[in-house]
């Protein structure tokens, strides 16, 4: 038994050193992969943000395909696209003044009284036709931001509806 103790102790120490080496190797490997993972996740986030905002605005997102570029270059390109799209969204729709006038005579932006919702008093079918992505993700228009409500109204305007979904209010604002 006395002769086994040193051998057993040597085996345990060797095992401990082996486990320590493996842990150090895993940590070094995960640190080496981490920046690429960050870039890929950032690119996915920027791409999702860009496409979501473009869908809300009613724009078709047609971008040139990035062929054989580095992750850093793709990250810069998608970040630029996301920032540009976000700035365009925040500027508001072309008829922002008209939508604000209609809102002034309609209701509060958070009005949830059925059958009309939001500051522009949109019914469910209007929301489903022109703001389907927001209706499915955020619920009715009373849960949308004022800019999102105006962009949905702008989509209806561009589709040929004009200001006619708000006949009386648009007349008061001098739009019809």
Protein backbone atom coordinates (compact mmCIF):
# COMPACT_ATOMS: atom_id res chain seq x y z
CA UNK A 1 0.00 0.00 0.00
CA UNK A 2 2.90 2.33 0.81
CA UNK A 3 4.33 1.88 -2.68
CA UNK A 4 0.97 2.63 -4.29
CA UNK A 5 0.56 6.01 -2.60
CA UNK A 6 3.32 7.81 -4.56
CA UNK A 7 2.07 6.36 -7.84
CA UNK A 8 -1.53 7.28 -7.02
CA UNK A 9 -0.44 10.76 -6.03
CA UNK A 10 1.53 11.12 -9.29
CA UNK A 11 -1.47 9.98 -11.35
CA UNK A 12 -3.79 12.45 -9.57
CA UNK A 13 -1.34 15.32 -10.11
CA UNK A 14 -0.95 14.43 -13.78
CA UNK A 15 -4.74 14.34 -14.15
CA UNK A 16 -5.07 17.71 -12.42
CA UNK A 17 -2.50 19.27 -14.74
CA UNK A 18 -4.22 17.77 -17.78
CA UNK A 19 -7.60 19.22 -16.74
CA UNK A 20 -5.97 22.63 -16.13
CA UNK A 21 -4.38 22.55 -19.60
CA UNK A 22 -7.70 21.65 -21.21
CA UNK A 23 -9.47 24.49 -19.41
CA UNK A 24 -6.80 26.97 -20.47
CA UNK A 25 -7.11 25.73 -24.06
CA UNK A 26 -10.90 26.11 -24.05
CA UNK A 27 -10.65 29.61 -22.64
CA UNK A 28 -8.08 30.60 -25.26
CA UNK A 29 -10.22 29.10 -28.03
CA UNK A 30 -13.39 30.87 -26.86
CA UNK A 31 -11.53 34.19 -26.67
CA UNK A 32 -10.26 33.69 -30.19
CA UNK A 33 -13.74 33.00 -31.59
CA UNK A 34 -15.53 35.68 -29.58
CA UNK A 35 -14.82 38.72 -31.84
CA UNK A 36 -16.18 36.90 -34.91
CA UNK A 37 -19.28 35.87 -32.99
CA UNK A 38 -19.79 39.49 -31.95
CA UNK A 39 -19.49 40.67 -35.55
CA UNK A 40 -21.93 38.05 -36.83
CA UNK A 41 -24.47 38.90 -34.12
CA UNK A 42 -24.08 42.63 -34.81
CA UNK A 43 -24.60 42.09 -38.53
CA UNK A 44 -27.76 40.08 -37.83
CA UNK A 45 -29.04 42.83 -35.53
CA UNK A 46 -28.35 45.61 -38.06
CA UNK A 47 -29.93 43.59 -40.87
CA UNK A 48 -33.06 42.85 -38.81
CA UNK A 49 -33.37 46.49 -37.73
CA UNK A 50 -33.01 47.70 -41.30
CA UNK A 51 -35.58 45.32 -42.76
CA UNK A 52 -38.08 45.89 -39.92
CA UNK A 53 -37.97 49.68 -40.28
CA UNK A 54 -38.21 49.44 -44.06
CA UNK A 55 -41.27 47.20 -43.76
CA UNK A 56 -42.91 49.71 -41.41
CA UNK A 57 -42.16 52.55 -43.82
CA UNK A 58 -43.41 50.53 -46.78
CA UNK A 59 -40.06 50.63 -48.58
CA UNK A 60 -38.67 47.70 -50.45
CA UNK A 61 -35.31 46.77 -49.07
CA UNK A 62 -33.19 46.13 -52.11
CA UNK A 63 -29.54 46.09 -51.33
CA UNK A 64 -26.65 44.98 -53.44
CA UNK A 65 -25.41 41.62 -52.30
CA UNK A 66 -22.10 41.73 -50.48
CA UNK A 67 -19.82 39.32 -52.30
CA UNK A 68 -16.70 37.99 -50.64
CA UNK A 69 -16.08 40.73 -48.11
CA UNK A 70 -14.58 40.47 -44.66
CA UNK A 71 -16.76 40.38 -41.57
CA UNK A 72 -15.49 43.81 -40.57
CA UNK A 73 -16.51 45.27 -43.95
CA UNK A 74 -19.94 43.61 -43.82
CA UNK A 75 -20.37 44.95 -40.28
CA UNK A 76 -19.56 48.50 -41.43
CA UNK A 77 -21.91 48.24 -44.42
CA UNK A 78 -24.87 46.91 -42.41
CA UNK A 79 -24.28 49.41 -39.62
CA UNK A 80 -24.33 52.23 -42.19
CA UNK A 81 -27.54 50.84 -43.73
CA UNK A 82 -29.22 50.52 -40.33
CA UNK A 83 -28.26 54.05 -39.26
CA UNK A 84 -29.40 55.55 -42.59
CA UNK A 85 -32.73 53.68 -42.43
CA UNK A 86 -33.26 54.68 -38.80
CA UNK A 87 -32.56 58.35 -39.63
CA UNK A 88 -35.04 58.17 -42.51
CA UNK A 89 -37.63 56.63 -40.19
CA UNK A 90 -37.10 59.31 -37.54
CA UNK A 91 -37.45 62.16 -40.06
CA UNK A 92 -41.01 60.99 -40.52
CA UNK A 93 -43.23 60.51 -43.54
CA UNK A 94 -43.60 63.04 -46.32
CA UNK A 95 -47.00 64.20 -45.08
CA UNK A 96 -46.05 64.40 -41.40
CA UNK A 97 -47.69 67.82 -40.97
CA UNK A 98 -50.94 66.50 -42.42
CA UNK A 99 -50.92 63.48 -40.10
CA UNK A 100 -50.29 65.74 -37.10
CA UNK A 101 -53.23 67.93 -38.12
CA UNK A 102 -55.49 64.88 -38.46
CA UNK A 103 -54.27 63.64 -35.08
CA UNK A 104 -55.08 67.00 -33.49
CA UNK A 105 -58.78 66.47 -34.29
CA UNK A 106 -58.94 62.71 -33.79
CA UNK A 107 -57.65 61.25 -30.51
CA UNK A 108 -54.71 60.67 -28.18
CA UNK A 109 -51.87 58.53 -29.60
CA UNK A 110 -52.59 55.85 -26.99
CA UNK A 111 -56.39 55.78 -27.44
CA UNK A 112 -57.47 52.16 -27.28
CA UNK A 113 -61.21 52.60 -27.61
CA UNK A 114 -62.70 49.99 -29.90
CA UNK A 115 -63.36 49.98 -32.93
CA UNK A 116 -60.77 52.70 -33.67
CA UNK A 117 -57.28 52.72 -32.20
CA UNK A 118 -54.42 55.19 -31.86
CA UNK A 119 -54.00 58.85 -32.63
CA UNK A 120 -55.23 58.49 -36.19
CA UNK A 121 -58.19 56.29 -35.23
CA UNK A 122 -57.39 53.26 -37.38
CA UNK A 123 -59.73 50.28 -37.40
CA UNK A 124 -58.47 46.69 -37.31
CA UNK A 125 -58.78 46.03 -41.06
CA UNK A 126 -56.85 49.25 -41.85
CA UNK A 127 -54.12 48.20 -39.41
CA UNK A 128 -53.97 44.69 -40.88
CA UNK A 129 -53.75 45.97 -44.48
CA UNK A 130 -51.14 48.69 -44.00
CA UNK A 131 -49.43 47.87 -40.71
CA UNK A 132 -49.54 44.10 -40.54
CA UNK A 133 -46.02 43.73 -39.17
CA UNK A 134 -46.79 46.10 -36.30
CA UNK A 135 -50.19 44.57 -35.63
CA UNK A 136 -48.63 41.12 -35.32
CA UNK A 137 -45.70 42.22 -33.15
CA UNK A 138 -47.08 45.07 -31.00
CA UNK A 139 -50.85 44.67 -31.13
CA UNK A 140 -53.28 47.43 -32.06
CA UNK A 141 -52.28 50.99 -32.99
CA UNK A 142 -52.64 52.32 -29.46
CA UNK A 143 -49.44 50.37 -28.64
CA UNK A 144 -47.47 51.85 -31.55
CA UNK A 145 -45.31 54.96 -31.41
CA UNK A 146 -46.71 58.11 -33.05
CA UNK A 147 -44.14 57.77 -35.87
CA UNK A 148 -45.18 54.18 -36.54
CA UNK A 149 -48.82 55.26 -36.74
CA UNK A 150 -47.96 58.04 -39.17
CA UNK A 151 -45.87 55.69 -41.33
CA UNK A 152 -48.78 53.24 -41.56
CA UNK A 153 -51.08 56.09 -42.58
CA UNK A 154 -48.48 57.16 -45.14
CA UNK A 155 -48.46 53.63 -46.57
CA UNK A 156 -52.23 53.88 -47.04
CA UNK A 157 -51.80 57.30 -48.66
CA UNK A 158 -49.21 55.91 -51.10
CA UNK A 159 -51.47 52.96 -51.90
CA UNK A 160 -54.02 55.39 -53.33
CA UNK A 161 -56.32 55.91 -50.36
CA UNK A 162 -55.17 59.49 -49.87
CA UNK A 163 -56.66 61.23 -46.85
CA UNK A 164 -60.13 59.77 -47.50
CA UNK A 165 -60.08 57.32 -44.56
CA UNK A 166 -60.38 60.52 -42.44
CA UNK A 167 -62.97 62.48 -44.50
CA UNK A 168 -64.20 65.00 -41.95
CA UNK A 169 -60.88 65.64 -40.24
CA UNK A 170 -59.00 65.90 -43.55
CA UNK A 171 -61.59 68.45 -44.72
CA UNK A 172 -61.07 70.52 -41.56
CA UNK A 173 -57.30 70.40 -42.16
CA UNK A 174 -57.78 71.46 -45.78
CA UNK A 175 -56.43 68.21 -47.22
CA UNK A 176 -59.52 67.27 -49.23
